[in-house]
Amino acid sequence: MSSKKVLVALGIIAIGAGAVTAHEPPGEIFYAVGLPDHAIPTLDGDKSDWDMIPSEYWVTREANFEETVIGTDVGDLSDFNSMHIMGWNEGTNKFYFMADVIDDVWDRDNEAQDDGFDLVIDADHSGGELWNSEWHALEPEDQIDLVFVTGQNYRFYVPPIDDYWVMILGRGFVRDDNFVTNGREVFTPEHMALGWSVDPGEHLAPGQSIFEVMVTPWENMYRGEDGEARSSIVDLEEELIVHVAYQFKDIDVAVEGERYSGGYDFPPLHNIWFNTSLHADFELLAVDAALFPTAVETDTWGRIKSDFITE
C-alpha cells in the first residue's frame, strides 16, 4: 500500500479494521510515518531530523487540540502552541515521536506541578481503561496487573531536576516498581529513550521545548520484579492501527479551583489517559522513499544538477 494518501484536515474516513474499534475523533484517522533505517532520528532535542515530514502528517495545537479543563480556550497560540510527529521503524520495532512546544511562561522549578508532556499509547489497539479509582481498593498485587498495563502513559518534565522527570505512570502513579524507569533514570534504554532541549531553559521565561521519544510498542506491560518477563510486545507492520493521545498542562497563573491555567488534549477530551478508547487512531504507513533520500542519492542528484549549470 502506498504511503501517499489524500488527507483532509489530517483525517479521512476510517475504513477496514480501524473503523470497528472505538476511537476519537470519530471517523478520523491519523498517520505514523514509516522511517527507513538511515532516517531514524537521533534523540538529542534537535528537531531537524524531522524536517522532511510534510505538514499533512503533523498533529498541531491549532488544528487538533482543545483546552478541555478550564473552558477558556480562545485559540491564543502565543500563550501555548505545539506540533507533533509520529514515526515508526520496522527493523527496530519502535515508535518515535517529536513534540515541539512553545509556551509564553515555561514553569519548571520542581515546585507543585510543572509544565510537561504526556504521551499515551495503546499499541495493540485494545482500548479500555488504564486507570480506575476503584482499583485502589484492591490489594497491591491485584492493582499491579490492572493500572496502565494495556496502555502506557509516559510523562516528561525537562530539564531534569532532582526528582521525578522521566516517568511511566503506574500503581500509585509513580512507584519504584517499573523495570523501564523509576522516574529519575531509565533502566532499559532499549525500551524507552528521551532527547530534549529547552530554549532558553529559564523558569517562567518564554521558551521552546523539543521532546524526542523512542518507546517499545507494548501489548501488555507489567510491573514488579517479574514485570519484564511477563510483558509482551506488539510486532509493528504496515497498516497496523494503534491508539495515541497527547496531553499538556499549561501552568502559568492557576485558575481558581485548578492547579494550572489550561489543559490541552488531543483528542480534545478531558482525562484521555483514563481510557484508550478515547484516543486517536494512527495507521502505520509504509516508508515513502521520496521523503528520505540517502546520502548517496543526495550526492548523485547534486552532481546531476551541476551538469546544467553554465557559465
C-alpha atoms as a PDB file:
ATOM      1  CA  MET A   1       0.000   0.000   0.000  1.00  0.00           C
ATOM      2  CA  SER A   2       1.373   3.412  -0.925  1.00  0.00           C
ATOM      3  CA  SER A   3       2.125   5.807   1.914  1.00  0.00           C
ATOM      4  CA  LYS A   4       0.961   8.716  -0.215  1.00  0.00           C
ATOM      5  CA  LYS A   5      -2.592   9.420   0.856  1.00  0.00           C
ATOM      6  CA  VAL A   6      -5.046  12.212   0.323  1.00  0.00           C
ATOM      7  CA  LEU A   7      -5.671  13.822   3.727  1.00  0.00           C
ATOM      8  CA  VAL A   8      -8.237  16.463   4.587  1.00  0.00           C
ATOM      9  CA  ALA A   9      -7.520  18.343   7.822  1.00  0.00           C
ATOM     10  CA  LEU A  10      -5.259  15.467   8.831  1.00  0.00           C
ATOM     11  CA  GLY A  11      -8.070  12.950   8.725  1.00  0.00           C
ATOM     12  CA  ILE A  12     -10.134  10.829   6.382  1.00  0.00           C
ATOM     13  CA  ILE A  13     -12.959   8.395   6.896  1.00  0.00           C
ATOM     14  CA  ALA A  14     -11.546   5.303   8.547  1.00  0.00           C
ATOM     15  CA  ILE A  15     -12.008   2.047   6.728  1.00  0.00           C
ATOM     16  CA  GLY A  16     -11.317  -1.575   7.497  1.00  0.00           C
ATOM     17  CA  ALA A  17     -10.257  -2.722  10.951  1.00  0.00           C
ATOM     18  CA  GLY A  18      -9.753   0.807  12.265  1.00  0.00           C
ATOM     19  CA  ALA A  19     -13.429   1.626  11.822  1.00  0.00           C
ATOM     20  CA  VAL A  20     -14.772  -1.008  14.175  1.00  0.00           C
ATOM     21  CA  THR A  21     -12.706  -0.099  17.244  1.00  0.00           C
ATOM     22  CA  ALA A  22     -13.643   2.862  19.435  1.00  0.00           C
ATOM     23  CA  HIS A  23     -11.531   5.972  18.930  1.00  0.00           C
ATOM     24  CA  GLU A  24     -11.702   9.762  18.870  1.00  0.00           C
ATOM     25  CA  PRO A  25     -12.410  11.846  16.912  1.00  0.00           C
ATOM     26  CA  PRO A  26     -14.985   9.536  15.309  1.00  0.00           C
ATOM     27  CA  GLY A  27     -14.430   8.869  11.618  1.00  0.00           C
ATOM     28  CA  GLU A  28     -10.890  10.290  11.531  1.00  0.00           C
ATOM     29  CA  ILE A  29      -7.572   8.522  11.202  1.00  0.00           C
ATOM     30  CA  PHE A  30      -4.056   9.918  11.583  1.00  0.00           C
ATOM     31  CA  TYR A  31      -0.714   8.565  10.419  1.00  0.00           C
ATOM     32  CA  ALA A  32       2.642   7.394  11.748  1.00  0.00           C
ATOM     33  CA  VAL A  33       5.316   7.944   9.119  1.00  0.00           C
ATOM     34  CA  GLY A  34       7.423   4.944   8.130  1.00  0.00           C
ATOM     35  CA  LEU A  35      11.066   5.710   8.924  1.00  0.00           C
ATOM     36  CA  PRO A  36      13.792   3.907   6.940  1.00  0.00           C
ATOM     37  CA  ASP A  37      16.824   2.697   8.859  1.00  0.00           C
ATOM     38  CA  HIS A  38      19.026   5.561   7.674  1.00  0.00           C
ATOM     39  CA  ALA A  39      16.483   8.181   8.848  1.00  0.00           C
ATOM     40  CA  ILE A  40      15.873   7.006  12.407  1.00  0.00           C
ATOM     41  CA  PRO A  41      16.075  10.256  14.388  1.00  0.00           C
ATOM     42  CA  THR A  42      18.907  10.986  16.775  1.00  0.00           C
ATOM     43  CA  LEU A  43      17.244  11.702  20.100  1.00  0.00           C
ATOM     44  CA  ASP A  44      19.063  14.895  21.010  1.00  0.00           C
ATOM     45  CA  GLY A  45      16.400  17.611  21.141  1.00  0.00           C
ATOM     46  CA  ASP A  46      17.257  18.842  17.628  1.00  0.00           C
ATOM     47  CA  LYS A  47      14.108  18.586  15.516  1.00  0.00           C
ATOM     48  CA  SER A  48      15.917  18.914  12.182  1.00  0.00           C
ATOM     49  CA  ASP A  49      15.790  15.117  11.806  1.00  0.00           C
ATOM     50  CA  TRP A  50      12.065  15.554  11.191  1.00  0.00           C
ATOM     51  CA  ASP A  51      12.225  18.417   8.684  1.00  0.00           C
ATOM     52  CA  MET A  52      11.377  16.179   5.727  1.00  0.00           C
ATOM     53  CA  ILE A  53       7.959  15.180   7.162  1.00  0.00           C
ATOM     54  CA  PRO A  54       5.190  17.044   5.285  1.00  0.00           C
ATOM     55  CA  SER A  55       2.841  19.159   7.375  1.00  0.00           C
ATOM     56  CA  GLU A  56      -0.062  16.870   6.474  1.00  0.00           C
ATOM     57  CA  TYR A  57       1.286  14.362   8.971  1.00  0.00           C
ATOM     58  CA  TRP A  58       1.653  16.803  11.860  1.00  0.00           C
ATOM     59  CA  VAL A  59      -0.765  16.965  14.772  1.00  0.00           C
ATOM     60  CA  THR A  60      -0.964  20.590  15.887  1.00  0.00           C
ATOM     61  CA  ARG A  61      -2.361  22.575  18.764  1.00  0.00           C
ATOM     62  CA  GLU A  62      -4.175  24.842  16.310  1.00  0.00           C
ATOM     63  CA  ALA A  63      -5.921  22.115  14.307  1.00  0.00           C
ATOM     64  CA  ASN A  64      -6.287  19.163  16.668  1.00  0.00           C
ATOM     65  CA  PHE A  65      -6.140  20.189  20.336  1.00  0.00           C
ATOM     66  CA  GLU A  66      -8.662  21.884  22.590  1.00  0.00           C
ATOM     67  CA  GLU A  67      -8.465  23.250  26.116  1.00  0.00           C
ATOM     68  CA  THR A  68     -10.638  20.728  27.967  1.00  0.00           C
ATOM     69  CA  VAL A  69     -10.436  21.724  31.650  1.00  0.00           C
ATOM     70  CA  ILE A  70     -10.815  25.451  32.259  1.00  0.00           C
ATOM     71  CA  GLY A  71     -13.133  26.330  29.373  1.00  0.00           C
ATOM     72  CA  THR A  72     -11.199  29.479  28.428  1.00  0.00           C
ATOM     73  CA  ASP A  73      -9.662  28.363  25.143  1.00  0.00           C
ATOM     74  CA  VAL A  74      -9.617  31.325  22.760  1.00  0.00           C
ATOM     75  CA  GLY A  75      -7.039  29.914  20.387  1.00  0.00           C
ATOM     76  CA  ASP A  76      -4.224  32.190  21.560  1.00  0.00           C
ATOM     77  CA  LEU A  77      -1.208  30.356  20.142  1.00  0.00           C
ATOM     78  CA  SER A  78       1.148  32.922  21.665  1.00  0.00           C
ATOM     79  CA  ASP A  79       0.156  31.587  25.091  1.00  0.00           C
ATOM     80  CA  PHE A  80       0.686  27.915  24.218  1.00  0.00           C
ATOM     81  CA  ASN A  81       1.396  26.154  20.943  1.00  0.00           C
ATOM     82  CA  SER A  82       2.620  22.718  19.916  1.00  0.00           C
ATOM     83  CA  MET A  83       3.145  20.410  16.946  1.00  0.00           C
ATOM     84  CA  HIS A  84       3.795  16.663  16.913  1.00  0.00           C
ATOM     85  CA  ILE A  85       5.069  13.989  14.557  1.00  0.00           C
ATOM     86  CA  MET A  86       4.863  10.207  14.998  1.00  0.00           C
ATOM     87  CA  GLY A  87       7.025   7.693  13.169  1.00  0.00           C
ATOM     88  CA  TRP A  88       7.903   4.013  13.353  1.00  0.00           C
ATOM     89  CA  ASN A  89      10.658   1.719  12.142  1.00  0.00           C
ATOM     90  CA  GLU A  90      10.173  -1.921  11.222  1.00  0.00           C
ATOM     91  CA  GLY A  91      13.739  -3.008  11.926  1.00  0.00           C
ATOM     92  CA  THR A  92      13.889  -1.637  15.463  1.00  0.00           C
ATOM     93  CA  ASN A  93      10.178  -2.316  16.063  1.00  0.00           C
ATOM     94  CA  LYS A  94       9.873   1.042  17.838  1.00  0.00           C
ATOM     95  CA  PHE A  95       7.732   4.148  17.837  1.00  0.00           C
ATOM     96  CA  TYR A  96       9.389   7.564  17.522  1.00  0.00           C
ATOM     97  CA  PHE A  97       7.791  10.892  18.456  1.00  0.00           C
ATOM     98  CA  MET A  98       8.723  14.539  18.264  1.00  0.00           C
ATOM     99  CA  ALA A  99       6.860  17.277  20.156  1.00  0.00           C
ATOM    100  CA  ASP A 100       7.723  20.938  19.571  1.00  0.00           C
ATOM    101  CA  VAL A 101       6.211  23.094  22.328  1.00  0.00           C
ATOM    102  CA  ILE A 102       6.178  26.892  22.588  1.00  0.00           C
ATOM    103  CA  ASP A 103       4.981  28.447  25.844  1.00  0.00           C
ATOM    104  CA  ASP A 104       4.939  32.106  26.924  1.00  0.00           C
ATOM    105  CA  VAL A 105       5.648  31.039  30.532  1.00  0.00           C
ATOM    106  CA  TRP A 106       7.696  27.837  30.919  1.00  0.00           C
ATOM    107  CA  ASP A 107       7.211  26.632  34.504  1.00  0.00           C
ATOM    108  CA  ARG A 108       9.954  24.273  35.636  1.00  0.00           C
ATOM    109  CA  ASP A 109      11.140  24.665  39.231  1.00  0.00           C
ATOM    110  CA  ASN A 110      10.049  21.359  40.771  1.00  0.00           C
ATOM    111  CA  GLU A 111       7.506  23.162  42.928  1.00  0.00           C
ATOM    112  CA  ALA A 112       3.905  21.890  42.851  1.00  0.00           C
ATOM    113  CA  GLN A 113       3.101  20.973  39.224  1.00  0.00           C
ATOM    114  CA  ASP A 114       5.374  21.895  36.310  1.00  0.00           C
ATOM    115  CA  ASP A 115       4.857  22.146  32.573  1.00  0.00           C
ATOM    116  CA  GLY A 116       5.444  18.810  30.885  1.00  0.00           C
ATOM    117  CA  PHE A 117       4.449  16.452  28.085  1.00  0.00           C
ATOM    118  CA  ASP A 118       2.209  13.394  28.413  1.00  0.00           C
ATOM    119  CA  LEU A 119       2.267  10.730  25.693  1.00  0.00           C
ATOM    120  CA  VAL A 120      -0.247   7.876  25.999  1.00  0.00           C
ATOM    121  CA  ILE A 121      -0.049   4.753  23.802  1.00  0.00           C
ATOM    122  CA  ASP A 122      -2.195   1.650  23.329  1.00  0.00           C
ATOM    123  CA  ALA A 123      -0.041  -0.249  20.834  1.00  0.00           C
ATOM    124  CA  ASP A 124      -2.324  -3.244  20.329  1.00  0.00           C
ATOM    125  CA  HIS A 125      -5.395  -1.029  19.842  1.00  0.00           C
ATOM    126  CA  SER A 126      -7.309  -2.981  22.501  1.00  0.00           C
ATOM    127  CA  GLY A 127      -8.960   0.076  24.065  1.00  0.00           C
ATOM    128  CA  GLY A 128     -10.416   0.214  27.543  1.00  0.00           C
ATOM    129  CA  GLU A 129      -9.500   1.605  30.939  1.00  0.00           C
ATOM    130  CA  LEU A 130      -5.947   2.299  32.054  1.00  0.00           C
ATOM    131  CA  TRP A 131      -6.834   3.682  35.470  1.00  0.00           C
ATOM    132  CA  ASN A 132      -9.927   3.467  37.660  1.00  0.00           C
ATOM    133  CA  SER A 133     -10.154   4.900  41.178  1.00  0.00           C
ATOM    134  CA  GLU A 134     -11.971   1.765  42.338  1.00  0.00           C
ATOM    135  CA  TRP A 135      -8.861  -0.279  41.617  1.00  0.00           C
ATOM    136  CA  HIS A 136      -7.116   1.385  44.570  1.00  0.00           C
ATOM    137  CA  ALA A 137      -9.372  -0.587  46.919  1.00  0.00           C
ATOM    138  CA  LEU A 138      -7.743  -3.776  45.650  1.00  0.00           C
ATOM    139  CA  GLU A 139      -4.695  -5.450  47.122  1.00  0.00           C
ATOM    140  CA  PRO A 140      -1.393  -4.133  45.677  1.00  0.00           C
ATOM    141  CA  GLU A 141      -0.672  -7.408  43.870  1.00  0.00           C
ATOM    142  CA  ASP A 142      -4.043  -7.109  42.118  1.00  0.00           C
ATOM    143  CA  GLN A 143      -3.656  -3.411  41.305  1.00  0.00           C
ATOM    144  CA  ILE A 144      -0.329  -4.012  39.645  1.00  0.00           C
ATOM    145  CA  ASP A 145      -1.944  -6.167  36.950  1.00  0.00           C
ATOM    146  CA  LEU A 146      -4.531  -3.520  36.078  1.00  0.00           C
ATOM    147  CA  VAL A 147      -3.098   0.007  36.208  1.00  0.00           C
ATOM    148  CA  PHE A 148      -1.523   1.122  32.900  1.00  0.00           C
ATOM    149  CA  VAL A 149      -0.912  -2.440  31.743  1.00  0.00           C
ATOM    150  CA  THR A 150      -2.705  -2.449  28.368  1.00  0.00           C
ATOM    151  CA  GLY A 151      -1.513   1.076  27.587  1.00  0.00           C
ATOM    152  CA  GLN A 152       1.224   3.347  28.878  1.00  0.00           C
ATOM    153  CA  ASN A 153       1.238   6.996  29.939  1.00  0.00           C
ATOM    154  CA  TYR A 154       4.713   8.479  29.522  1.00  0.00           C
ATOM    155  CA  ARG A 155       5.270  11.796  31.333  1.00  0.00           C
ATOM    156  CA  PHE A 156       8.285  14.049  30.814  1.00  0.00           C
ATOM    157  CA  TYR A 157       9.423  17.188  32.656  1.00  0.00           C
ATOM    158  CA  VAL A 158      12.539  18.944  31.342  1.00  0.00           C
ATOM    159  CA  PRO A 159      15.154  19.984  32.169  1.00  0.00           C
ATOM    160  CA  PRO A 160      15.740  17.258  34.774  1.00  0.00           C
ATOM    161  CA  ILE A 161      15.736  18.372  38.399  1.00  0.00           C
ATOM    162  CA  ASP A 162      16.451  16.144  41.383  1.00  0.00           C
ATOM    163  CA  ASP A 163      13.033  14.498  41.339  1.00  0.00           C
ATOM    164  CA  TYR A 164      10.756  12.528  39.030  1.00  0.00           C
ATOM    165  CA  TRP A 165      11.076  13.728  35.454  1.00  0.00           C
ATOM    166  CA  VAL A 166      11.029  10.746  33.020  1.00  0.00           C
ATOM    167  CA  MET A 167       8.119   8.566  34.069  1.00  0.00           C
ATOM    168  CA  ILE A 168       5.698   5.859  33.071  1.00  0.00           C
ATOM    169  CA  LEU A 169       2.618   6.254  35.240  1.00  0.00           C
ATOM    170  CA  GLY A 170       1.623   3.186  37.224  1.00  0.00           C
ATOM    171  CA  ARG A 171       0.409   1.943  40.560  1.00  0.00           C
ATOM    172  CA  GLY A 172       0.187   4.972  42.818  1.00  0.00           C
ATOM    173  CA  PHE A 173       1.094   6.844  39.583  1.00  0.00           C
ATOM    174  CA  VAL A 174       4.819   6.944  40.431  1.00  0.00           C
ATOM    175  CA  ARG A 175       6.305   3.937  42.180  1.00  0.00           C
ATOM    176  CA  ASP A 176       9.647   2.209  42.043  1.00  0.00           C
ATOM    177  CA  ASP A 177       8.103  -0.943  40.570  1.00  0.00           C
ATOM    178  CA  ASN A 178       8.785  -0.379  36.866  1.00  0.00           C
ATOM    179  CA  PHE A 179      11.557  -2.219  35.040  1.00  0.00           C
ATOM    180  CA  VAL A 180      11.908   0.610  32.480  1.00  0.00           C
ATOM    181  CA  THR A 181      12.259   3.669  34.745  1.00  0.00           C
ATOM    182  CA  ASN A 182      11.863   4.737  38.352  1.00  0.00           C
ATOM    183  CA  GLY A 183      11.065   8.297  37.301  1.00  0.00           C
ATOM    184  CA  ARG A 184      14.602   9.580  37.759  1.00  0.00           C
ATOM    185  CA  GLU A 185      16.595   7.275  35.479  1.00  0.00           C
ATOM    186  CA  VAL A 186      15.935   4.850  32.642  1.00  0.00           C
ATOM    187  CA  PHE A 187      16.965   1.261  33.418  1.00  0.00           C
ATOM    188  CA  THR A 188      16.258  -0.190  29.967  1.00  0.00           C
ATOM    189  CA  PRO A 189      17.190   2.296  27.211  1.00  0.00           C
ATOM    190  CA  GLU A 190      16.231  -0.351  24.677  1.00  0.00           C
ATOM    191  CA  HIS A 191      12.610   0.214  25.732  1.00  0.00           C
ATOM    192  CA  MET A 192      12.499   3.984  26.229  1.00  0.00           C
ATOM    193  CA  ALA A 193      14.744   6.910  25.325  1.00  0.00           C
ATOM    194  CA  LEU A 194      14.229  10.663  25.529  1.00  0.00           C
ATOM    195  CA  GLY A 195      16.144  13.527  23.947  1.00  0.00           C
ATOM    196  CA  TRP A 196      15.174  17.086  24.789  1.00  0.00           C
ATOM    197  CA  SER A 197      16.108  20.747  24.566  1.00  0.00           C
ATOM    198  CA  VAL A 198      14.682  23.877  26.189  1.00  0.00           C
ATOM    199  CA  ASP A 199      15.471  27.355  24.903  1.00  0.00           C
ATOM    200  CA  PRO A 200      16.296  29.415  26.869  1.00  0.00           C
ATOM    201  CA  GLY A 201      15.526  26.967  29.700  1.00  0.00           C
ATOM    202  CA  GLU A 202      14.840  29.615  32.333  1.00  0.00           C
ATOM    203  CA  HIS A 203      11.993  29.172  34.826  1.00  0.00           C
ATOM    204  CA  LEU A 204       8.965  31.373  33.986  1.00  0.00           C
ATOM    205  CA  ALA A 205      10.582  32.683  30.784  1.00  0.00           C
ATOM    206  CA  PRO A 206       9.076  32.296  27.300  1.00  0.00           C
ATOM    207  CA  GLY A 207      10.580  29.224  25.715  1.00  0.00           C
ATOM    208  CA  GLN A 208      10.581  26.444  23.159  1.00  0.00           C
ATOM    209  CA  SER A 209      10.884  22.829  24.261  1.00  0.00           C
ATOM    210  CA  ILE A 210      11.655  19.885  21.990  1.00  0.00           C
ATOM    211  CA  PHE A 211      10.880  16.325  23.090  1.00  0.00           C
ATOM    212  CA  GLU A 212      12.130  13.354  21.045  1.00  0.00           C
ATOM    213  CA  VAL A 213      10.936   9.990  22.326  1.00  0.00           C
ATOM    214  CA  MET A 214      11.508   6.341  21.425  1.00  0.00           C
ATOM    215  CA  VAL A 215       9.333   3.658  23.034  1.00  0.00           C
ATOM    216  CA  THR A 216       8.638  -0.041  22.719  1.00  0.00           C
ATOM    217  CA  PRO A 217       5.120  -0.966  21.476  1.00  0.00           C
ATOM    218  CA  TRP A 218       3.809  -2.932  24.449  1.00  0.00           C
ATOM    219  CA  GLU A 219       0.844  -5.243  24.133  1.00  0.00           C
ATOM    220  CA  ASN A 220       0.869  -5.571  27.926  1.00  0.00           C
ATOM    221  CA  MET A 221       3.490  -4.060  30.212  1.00  0.00           C
ATOM    222  CA  TYR A 222       3.541  -5.468  33.735  1.00  0.00           C
ATOM    223  CA  ARG A 223       5.360  -4.196  36.795  1.00  0.00           C
ATOM    224  CA  GLY A 224       7.096  -5.809  39.716  1.00  0.00           C
ATOM    225  CA  GLU A 225      10.189  -7.997  39.849  1.00  0.00           C
ATOM    226  CA  ASP A 226       8.940 -10.285  37.082  1.00  0.00           C
ATOM    227  CA  GLY A 227       7.343  -7.474  35.074  1.00  0.00           C
ATOM    228  CA  GLU A 228       9.591  -7.627  32.033  1.00  0.00           C
ATOM    229  CA  ALA A 229       9.359 -11.427  31.794  1.00  0.00           C
ATOM    230  CA  ARG A 230       5.552 -11.267  31.821  1.00  0.00           C
ATOM    231  CA  SER A 231       5.259  -8.344  29.394  1.00  0.00           C
ATOM    232  CA  SER A 232       4.608  -8.765  25.673  1.00  0.00           C
ATOM    233  CA  ILE A 233       5.436  -6.617  22.643  1.00  0.00           C
ATOM    234  CA  VAL A 234       3.425  -5.819  19.509  1.00  0.00           C
ATOM    235  CA  ASP A 235       5.071  -6.689  16.180  1.00  0.00           C
ATOM    236  CA  LEU A 236       4.743  -3.475  14.159  1.00  0.00           C
ATOM    237  CA  GLU A 237       3.837  -3.699  10.489  1.00  0.00           C
ATOM    238  CA  GLU A 238       2.388  -1.554   7.713  1.00  0.00           C
ATOM    239  CA  GLU A 239      -1.317  -0.653   8.002  1.00  0.00           C
ATOM    240  CA  LEU A 240      -1.433  -1.546  11.702  1.00  0.00           C
ATOM    241  CA  ILE A 241      -3.725   0.776  13.700  1.00  0.00           C
ATOM    242  CA  VAL A 242      -2.633   1.972  17.145  1.00  0.00           C
ATOM    243  CA  HIS A 243      -4.135   4.301  19.758  1.00  0.00           C
ATOM    244  CA  VAL A 244      -2.237   7.501  20.658  1.00  0.00           C
ATOM    245  CA  ALA A 245      -3.036  10.611  22.722  1.00  0.00           C
ATOM    246  CA  TYR A 246      -1.102  13.750  23.733  1.00  0.00           C
ATOM    247  CA  GLN A 247      -1.709  15.949  26.764  1.00  0.00           C
ATOM    248  CA  PHE A 248      -0.263  19.177  28.192  1.00  0.00           C
ATOM    249  CA  LYS A 249      -0.950  21.164  31.342  1.00  0.00           C
ATOM    250  CA  ASP A 250      -0.124  24.856  30.910  1.00  0.00           C
ATOM    251  CA  ILE A 251       0.817  26.036  34.395  1.00  0.00           C
ATOM    252  CA  ASP A 252       1.159  29.837  34.167  1.00  0.00           C
ATOM    253  CA  VAL A 253      -1.158  31.522  36.723  1.00  0.00           C
ATOM    254  CA  ALA A 254      -3.546  28.890  38.045  1.00  0.00           C
ATOM    255  CA  VAL A 255      -7.271  29.395  37.551  1.00  0.00           C
ATOM    256  CA  GLU A 256      -9.256  29.286  40.802  1.00  0.00           C
ATOM    257  CA  GLY A 257     -10.041  25.701  41.696  1.00  0.00           C
ATOM    258  CA  GLU A 258      -7.368  24.305  39.379  1.00  0.00           C
ATOM    259  CA  ARG A 259      -3.614  23.793  39.569  1.00  0.00           C
ATOM    260  CA  TYR A 260      -2.939  25.331  36.158  1.00  0.00           C
ATOM    261  CA  SER A 261      -4.256  27.806  33.624  1.00  0.00           C
ATOM    262  CA  GLY A 262      -5.197  25.350  30.883  1.00  0.00           C
ATOM    263  CA  GLY A 263      -5.232  21.682  29.923  1.00  0.00           C
ATOM    264  CA  TYR A 264      -4.700  20.938  26.226  1.00  0.00           C
ATOM    265  CA  ASP A 265      -5.619  17.497  24.952  1.00  0.00           C
ATOM    266  CA  PHE A 266      -5.511  15.533  21.719  1.00  0.00           C
ATOM    267  CA  PRO A 267      -8.029  14.106  21.082  1.00  0.00           C
ATOM    268  CA  PRO A 268      -9.910  17.061  22.602  1.00  0.00           C
ATOM    269  CA  LEU A 269     -11.393  15.197  25.576  1.00  0.00           C
ATOM    270  CA  HIS A 270     -10.512  15.588  29.253  1.00  0.00           C
ATOM    271  CA  ASN A 271      -8.805  12.690  31.045  1.00  0.00           C
ATOM    272  CA  ILE A 272      -7.793  10.859  27.882  1.00  0.00           C
ATOM    273  CA  TRP A 273      -5.237   8.990  29.993  1.00  0.00           C
ATOM    274  CA  PHE A 274      -8.070   7.145  31.800  1.00  0.00           C
ATOM    275  CA  ASN A 275      -9.270   5.172  28.789  1.00  0.00           C
ATOM    276  CA  THR A 276      -7.586   4.385  25.478  1.00  0.00           C
ATOM    277  CA  SER A 277     -10.925   4.124  23.685  1.00  0.00           C
ATOM    278  CA  LEU A 278     -10.805   7.945  23.822  1.00  0.00           C
ATOM    279  CA  HIS A 279      -7.546   8.008  21.856  1.00  0.00           C
ATOM    280  CA  ALA A 280      -6.960   8.780  18.200  1.00  0.00           C
ATOM    281  CA  ASP A 281      -6.360   6.070  15.624  1.00  0.00           C
ATOM    282  CA  PHE A 282      -2.950   6.159  13.913  1.00  0.00           C
ATOM    283  CA  GLU A 283      -2.169   3.967  10.914  1.00  0.00           C
ATOM    284  CA  LEU A 284       1.430   2.880  10.377  1.00  0.00           C
ATOM    285  CA  LEU A 285       2.482   3.943   6.873  1.00  0.00           C
ATOM    286  CA  ALA A 286       4.977   2.272   4.581  1.00  0.00           C
ATOM    287  CA  VAL A 287       8.279   4.073   4.045  1.00  0.00           C
ATOM    288  CA  ASP A 288       7.988   6.745   1.353  1.00  0.00           C
ATOM    289  CA  ALA A 289      11.475   6.671  -0.163  1.00  0.00           C
ATOM    290  CA  ALA A 290      10.935  10.072  -1.773  1.00  0.00           C
ATOM    291  CA  LEU A 291      10.867  11.664   1.686  1.00  0.00           C
ATOM    292  CA  PHE A 292      14.133  10.103   2.830  1.00  0.00           C
ATOM    293  CA  PRO A 293      16.869  10.186   0.163  1.00  0.00           C
ATOM    294  CA  THR A 294      20.100   8.529   1.210  1.00  0.00           C
ATOM    295  CA  ALA A 295      23.367  10.433   1.320  1.00  0.00           C
ATOM    296  CA  VAL A 296      24.399   8.698  -1.936  1.00  0.00           C
ATOM    297  CA  GLU A 297      21.153   9.711  -3.640  1.00  0.00           C
ATOM    298  CA  THR A 298      21.500  13.292  -2.435  1.00  0.00           C
ATOM    299  CA  ASP A 299      25.088  13.486  -3.713  1.00  0.00           C
ATOM    300  CA  THR A 300      24.126  11.971  -7.063  1.00  0.00           C
ATOM    301  CA  TRP A 301      21.296  14.451  -7.530  1.00  0.00           C
ATOM    302  CA  GLY A 302      23.676  17.270  -6.693  1.00  0.00           C
ATOM    303  CA  ARG A 303      26.037  16.115  -9.431  1.00  0.00           C
ATOM    304  CA  ILE A 304      23.190  15.889 -11.952  1.00  0.00           C
ATOM    305  CA  LYS A 305      22.112  19.438 -11.163  1.00  0.00           C
ATOM    306  CA  SER A 306      25.662  20.730 -11.503  1.00  0.00           C
ATOM    307  CA  ASP A 307      25.751  19.466 -15.124  1.00  0.00           C
ATOM    308  CA  PHE A 308      23.067  22.006 -16.023  1.00  0.00           C
ATOM    309  CA  ILE A 309      24.930  24.976 -14.580  1.00  0.00           C
ATOM    310  CA  THR A 310      26.517  27.104 -17.302  1.00  0.00           C
ATOM    311  CA  GLU A 311      28.934  29.971 -17.019  1.00  0.00           C
END
